[in-house]
Amino acid sequence: MNLDANSRIRMMPGLVGGQDETLFHVEIADATGHSVVQMSKAELTERAEAAQGTWVFVNDQLVDTGDLADMNLDANSRIRMMPGLVGGGLRC
C-alpha cells in the first residue's frame, strides 16, 4: 500500500450481527442476597434445572422448572428465582 501526505485513512470497528436471542431480566434471591441478571431462555432453564429445589416464578406464577424450555416468555415477563422453602414440624 502506497500512502502519501494527502491520503485519507478511516478506521471503523468490525460489524457484528445483532443478537437474535431475547434476554430476560431475572431476579435471583439466594444465600448471598438479591441480584438482577440478564439471561437467555437457555441460560435460565439450565440454571433452574441445575439447582435442585429452586422455585421459579414467571409473572408471579410458580412454574415447574421442567416446563421453562417450552414456555412462551415475552421480553417483559417478570422472572424470579429463589431457593424453595421447606417447612418444619411444630413441636408442642
N, C-alpha and C. Protein backbone atom coordinates (compact mmCIF):
# COMPACT_ATOMS: atom_id res chain seq x y z
N MET A 1 0.84 -1.17 0.00
CA MET A 1 0.00 0.00 0.00
C MET A 1 0.89 1.23 0.00
N ASN A 2 0.66 2.12 -0.94
CA ASN A 2 1.42 3.36 -1.02
C ASN A 2 0.57 4.50 -0.46
N LEU A 3 1.04 5.11 0.61
CA LEU A 3 0.34 6.25 1.22
C LEU A 3 1.20 7.49 1.05
N ASP A 4 0.53 8.61 0.75
CA ASP A 4 1.26 9.87 0.71
C ASP A 4 0.61 10.83 1.70
N ALA A 5 1.13 12.02 1.79
CA ALA A 5 0.66 13.01 2.76
C ALA A 5 -0.80 13.39 2.55
N ASN A 6 -1.35 13.22 1.36
CA ASN A 6 -2.74 13.59 1.07
C ASN A 6 -3.72 12.42 1.24
N SER A 7 -3.23 11.25 1.60
CA SER A 7 -4.11 10.08 1.75
C SER A 7 -5.02 10.25 2.97
N ARG A 8 -6.25 9.80 2.84
CA ARG A 8 -7.21 9.82 3.95
C ARG A 8 -7.36 8.39 4.46
N ILE A 9 -7.20 8.22 5.75
CA ILE A 9 -7.32 6.90 6.37
C ILE A 9 -8.52 6.94 7.31
N ARG A 10 -9.39 5.98 7.15
CA ARG A 10 -10.58 5.89 8.02
C ARG A 10 -10.57 4.53 8.70
N MET A 11 -10.84 4.54 9.99
CA MET A 11 -10.90 3.29 10.76
C MET A 11 -12.29 3.16 11.34
N MET A 12 -12.80 1.97 11.29
CA MET A 12 -14.11 1.72 11.88
C MET A 12 -14.13 0.33 12.49
N PRO A 13 -14.93 0.14 13.54
CA PRO A 13 -14.98 -1.19 14.17
C PRO A 13 -15.62 -2.20 13.22
N GLY A 14 -15.27 -3.47 13.43
CA GLY A 14 -15.88 -4.52 12.64
C GLY A 14 -17.37 -4.60 12.92
N LEU A 15 -18.14 -4.94 11.93
CA LEU A 15 -19.58 -5.03 12.09
C LEU A 15 -19.94 -6.43 12.57
N VAL A 16 -20.79 -6.47 13.57
CA VAL A 16 -21.23 -7.74 14.15
C VAL A 16 -22.74 -7.76 14.07
N GLY A 17 -23.29 -8.88 13.67
CA GLY A 17 -24.75 -9.01 13.57
C GLY A 17 -25.42 -8.83 14.91
N GLY A 18 -26.68 -8.48 14.90
CA GLY A 18 -27.46 -8.28 16.12
C GLY A 18 -27.69 -9.58 16.87
N GLN A 19 -28.10 -9.43 18.11
CA GLN A 19 -28.36 -10.59 18.93
C GLN A 19 -29.74 -11.13 18.62
N ASP A 20 -29.82 -12.39 18.28
CA ASP A 20 -31.09 -12.99 17.91
C ASP A 20 -31.90 -13.44 19.12
N GLU A 21 -31.22 -13.82 20.19
CA GLU A 21 -31.90 -14.39 21.33
C GLU A 21 -32.33 -13.31 22.32
N THR A 22 -33.56 -13.39 22.77
CA THR A 22 -34.09 -12.44 23.74
C THR A 22 -33.44 -12.66 25.10
N LEU A 23 -33.08 -11.58 25.77
CA LEU A 23 -32.56 -11.66 27.12
C LEU A 23 -33.63 -11.20 28.09
N PHE A 24 -33.70 -11.86 29.22
CA PHE A 24 -34.71 -11.57 30.24
C PHE A 24 -34.01 -11.06 31.50
N HIS A 25 -34.64 -10.11 32.18
CA HIS A 25 -34.17 -9.66 33.48
C HIS A 25 -34.68 -10.69 34.49
N VAL A 26 -33.75 -11.31 35.20
CA VAL A 26 -34.09 -12.35 36.16
C VAL A 26 -33.65 -11.91 37.55
N GLU A 27 -34.60 -11.86 38.47
CA GLU A 27 -34.29 -11.54 39.86
C GLU A 27 -33.93 -12.84 40.56
N ILE A 28 -32.76 -12.87 41.21
CA ILE A 28 -32.30 -14.08 41.87
C ILE A 28 -32.08 -13.78 43.35
N ALA A 29 -32.73 -14.57 44.19
CA ALA A 29 -32.52 -14.48 45.64
C ALA A 29 -31.82 -15.76 46.07
N ASP A 30 -30.76 -15.60 46.86
CA ASP A 30 -30.05 -16.77 47.37
C ASP A 30 -29.39 -16.41 48.69
N ALA A 31 -28.55 -17.27 49.19
CA ALA A 31 -27.92 -17.05 50.49
C ALA A 31 -27.07 -15.79 50.54
N THR A 32 -26.62 -15.31 49.38
CA THR A 32 -25.79 -14.11 49.35
C THR A 32 -26.59 -12.82 49.22
N GLY A 33 -27.88 -12.93 49.01
CA GLY A 33 -28.73 -11.74 48.88
C GLY A 33 -29.57 -11.78 47.63
N HIS A 34 -29.68 -10.63 46.98
CA HIS A 34 -30.58 -10.44 45.84
C HIS A 34 -29.79 -9.81 44.70
N SER A 35 -29.99 -10.33 43.49
CA SER A 35 -29.34 -9.74 42.33
C SER A 35 -30.28 -9.79 41.14
N VAL A 36 -30.01 -8.96 40.16
CA VAL A 36 -30.77 -8.97 38.91
C VAL A 36 -29.77 -9.17 37.79
N VAL A 37 -29.99 -10.20 36.98
CA VAL A 37 -29.08 -10.52 35.88
C VAL A 37 -29.88 -10.68 34.60
N GLN A 38 -29.20 -10.59 33.48
CA GLN A 38 -29.84 -10.85 32.20
C GLN A 38 -29.46 -12.26 31.76
N MET A 39 -30.46 -13.01 31.34
CA MET A 39 -30.24 -14.38 30.90
C MET A 39 -31.06 -14.68 29.67
N SER A 40 -30.52 -15.54 28.84
CA SER A 40 -31.31 -16.06 27.73
C SER A 40 -32.22 -17.15 28.30
N LYS A 41 -33.17 -17.58 27.52
CA LYS A 41 -34.08 -18.64 27.96
C LYS A 41 -33.29 -19.92 28.25
N ALA A 42 -32.30 -20.22 27.42
CA ALA A 42 -31.48 -21.42 27.64
C ALA A 42 -30.70 -21.33 28.95
N GLU A 43 -30.14 -20.16 29.25
CA GLU A 43 -29.39 -19.97 30.49
C GLU A 43 -30.31 -20.08 31.70
N LEU A 44 -31.49 -19.50 31.59
CA LEU A 44 -32.47 -19.56 32.66
C LEU A 44 -32.86 -21.00 32.94
N THR A 45 -33.16 -21.75 31.90
CA THR A 45 -33.56 -23.15 32.04
C THR A 45 -32.44 -23.97 32.66
N GLU A 46 -31.22 -23.76 32.17
CA GLU A 46 -30.07 -24.51 32.68
C GLU A 46 -29.84 -24.24 34.16
N ARG A 47 -29.89 -22.98 34.54
CA ARG A 47 -29.64 -22.63 35.95
C ARG A 47 -30.74 -23.17 36.86
N ALA A 48 -31.98 -23.08 36.42
CA ALA A 48 -33.09 -23.56 37.23
C ALA A 48 -33.03 -25.07 37.43
N GLU A 49 -32.66 -25.80 36.38
CA GLU A 49 -32.60 -27.25 36.47
C GLU A 49 -31.36 -27.73 37.23
N ALA A 50 -30.29 -26.93 37.24
CA ALA A 50 -29.06 -27.31 37.92
C ALA A 50 -29.17 -27.19 39.44
N ALA A 51 -30.01 -26.30 39.90
CA ALA A 51 -30.15 -26.07 41.34
C ALA A 51 -31.42 -26.77 41.84
N GLN A 52 -31.23 -27.94 42.40
CA GLN A 52 -32.36 -28.72 42.91
C GLN A 52 -33.17 -27.90 43.91
N GLY A 53 -34.47 -27.95 43.78
CA GLY A 53 -35.34 -27.26 44.72
C GLY A 53 -35.57 -25.79 44.45
N THR A 54 -35.02 -25.26 43.36
CA THR A 54 -35.21 -23.85 43.03
C THR A 54 -36.66 -23.59 42.63
N TRP A 55 -37.20 -22.52 43.14
CA TRP A 55 -38.54 -22.09 42.73
C TRP A 55 -38.38 -21.00 41.68
N VAL A 56 -39.16 -21.09 40.61
CA VAL A 56 -39.14 -20.08 39.56
C VAL A 56 -40.55 -19.51 39.42
N PHE A 57 -40.64 -18.20 39.47
CA PHE A 57 -41.92 -17.51 39.30
C PHE A 57 -41.85 -16.71 38.00
N VAL A 58 -42.85 -16.86 37.16
CA VAL A 58 -42.98 -16.06 35.95
C VAL A 58 -44.26 -15.27 36.09
N ASN A 59 -44.14 -13.95 36.11
CA ASN A 59 -45.29 -13.06 36.33
C ASN A 59 -46.06 -13.47 37.58
N ASP A 60 -45.30 -13.71 38.66
CA ASP A 60 -45.83 -14.06 39.98
C ASP A 60 -46.55 -15.41 40.03
N GLN A 61 -46.34 -16.26 39.04
CA GLN A 61 -46.93 -17.60 39.00
C GLN A 61 -45.81 -18.62 39.13
N LEU A 62 -45.90 -19.52 40.14
CA LEU A 62 -44.91 -20.56 40.31
C LEU A 62 -45.00 -21.52 39.13
N VAL A 63 -43.85 -21.79 38.48
CA VAL A 63 -43.83 -22.69 37.33
C VAL A 63 -42.87 -23.84 37.60
N ASP A 64 -43.13 -24.96 36.97
CA ASP A 64 -42.26 -26.12 37.07
C ASP A 64 -41.01 -25.85 36.23
N THR A 65 -39.83 -26.06 36.81
CA THR A 65 -38.59 -25.78 36.09
C THR A 65 -38.48 -26.60 34.81
N GLY A 66 -39.09 -27.79 34.79
CA GLY A 66 -39.06 -28.62 33.60
C GLY A 66 -39.87 -28.05 32.45
N ASP A 67 -40.77 -27.11 32.74
CA ASP A 67 -41.62 -26.51 31.71
C ASP A 67 -41.03 -25.23 31.11
N LEU A 68 -39.95 -24.71 31.70
CA LEU A 68 -39.39 -23.42 31.24
C LEU A 68 -38.99 -23.43 29.78
N ALA A 69 -38.35 -24.49 29.33
CA ALA A 69 -37.84 -24.53 27.96
C ALA A 69 -38.95 -24.40 26.93
N ASP A 70 -40.15 -24.88 27.25
CA ASP A 70 -41.27 -24.86 26.30
C ASP A 70 -42.22 -23.68 26.50
N MET A 71 -41.96 -22.84 27.51
CA MET A 71 -42.86 -21.72 27.79
C MET A 71 -42.66 -20.59 26.79
N ASN A 72 -43.74 -19.90 26.48
CA ASN A 72 -43.67 -18.70 25.65
C ASN A 72 -43.48 -17.51 26.59
N LEU A 73 -42.26 -17.01 26.65
CA LEU A 73 -41.96 -15.86 27.50
C LEU A 73 -41.79 -14.64 26.62
N ASP A 74 -42.31 -13.51 27.07
CA ASP A 74 -42.03 -12.29 26.32
C ASP A 74 -40.99 -11.48 27.09
N ALA A 75 -40.40 -10.53 26.42
CA ALA A 75 -39.29 -9.77 26.99
C ALA A 75 -39.66 -9.04 28.27
N ASN A 76 -40.94 -8.77 28.49
CA ASN A 76 -41.38 -8.05 29.68
C ASN A 76 -41.82 -8.96 30.82
N SER A 77 -41.62 -10.26 30.67
CA SER A 77 -42.00 -11.19 31.73
C SER A 77 -41.20 -10.89 32.99
N ARG A 78 -41.87 -10.97 34.14
CA ARG A 78 -41.18 -10.80 35.43
C ARG A 78 -40.77 -12.19 35.89
N ILE A 79 -39.47 -12.42 35.96
CA ILE A 79 -38.96 -13.75 36.30
C ILE A 79 -38.15 -13.65 37.58
N ARG A 80 -38.50 -14.50 38.54
CA ARG A 80 -37.78 -14.54 39.81
C ARG A 80 -37.38 -15.97 40.14
N MET A 81 -36.19 -16.14 40.65
CA MET A 81 -35.69 -17.45 41.08
C MET A 81 -35.30 -17.34 42.55
N MET A 82 -35.65 -18.37 43.32
CA MET A 82 -35.28 -18.39 44.73
C MET A 82 -35.24 -19.82 45.23
N PRO A 83 -34.51 -20.05 46.31
CA PRO A 83 -34.49 -21.39 46.86
C PRO A 83 -35.87 -21.74 47.40
N GLY A 84 -36.26 -23.00 47.24
CA GLY A 84 -37.56 -23.43 47.75
C GLY A 84 -37.59 -23.37 49.27
N LEU A 85 -38.75 -23.08 49.80
CA LEU A 85 -38.92 -23.02 51.25
C LEU A 85 -39.32 -24.40 51.74
N VAL A 86 -38.70 -24.81 52.83
CA VAL A 86 -39.01 -26.10 53.42
C VAL A 86 -39.55 -25.84 54.80
N GLY A 87 -40.77 -26.31 55.04
CA GLY A 87 -41.40 -26.11 56.33
C GLY A 87 -41.00 -27.22 57.31
N GLY A 88 -40.98 -26.90 58.56
CA GLY A 88 -40.66 -27.89 59.59
C GLY A 88 -41.89 -28.16 60.44
N GLY A 89 -41.86 -29.23 61.14
CA GLY A 89 -42.98 -29.58 62.03
C GLY A 89 -42.95 -28.75 63.29
N LEU A 90 -44.11 -28.50 63.83
CA LEU A 90 -44.23 -27.76 65.10
C LEU A 90 -44.20 -28.76 66.25
N ARG A 91 -43.52 -28.42 67.31
CA ARG A 91 -43.48 -29.27 68.49
C ARG A 91 -44.17 -28.55 69.63
N CYS A 92 -44.99 -29.25 70.31
CA CYS A 92 -45.70 -28.66 71.46
C CYS A 92 -45.18 -29.19 72.76
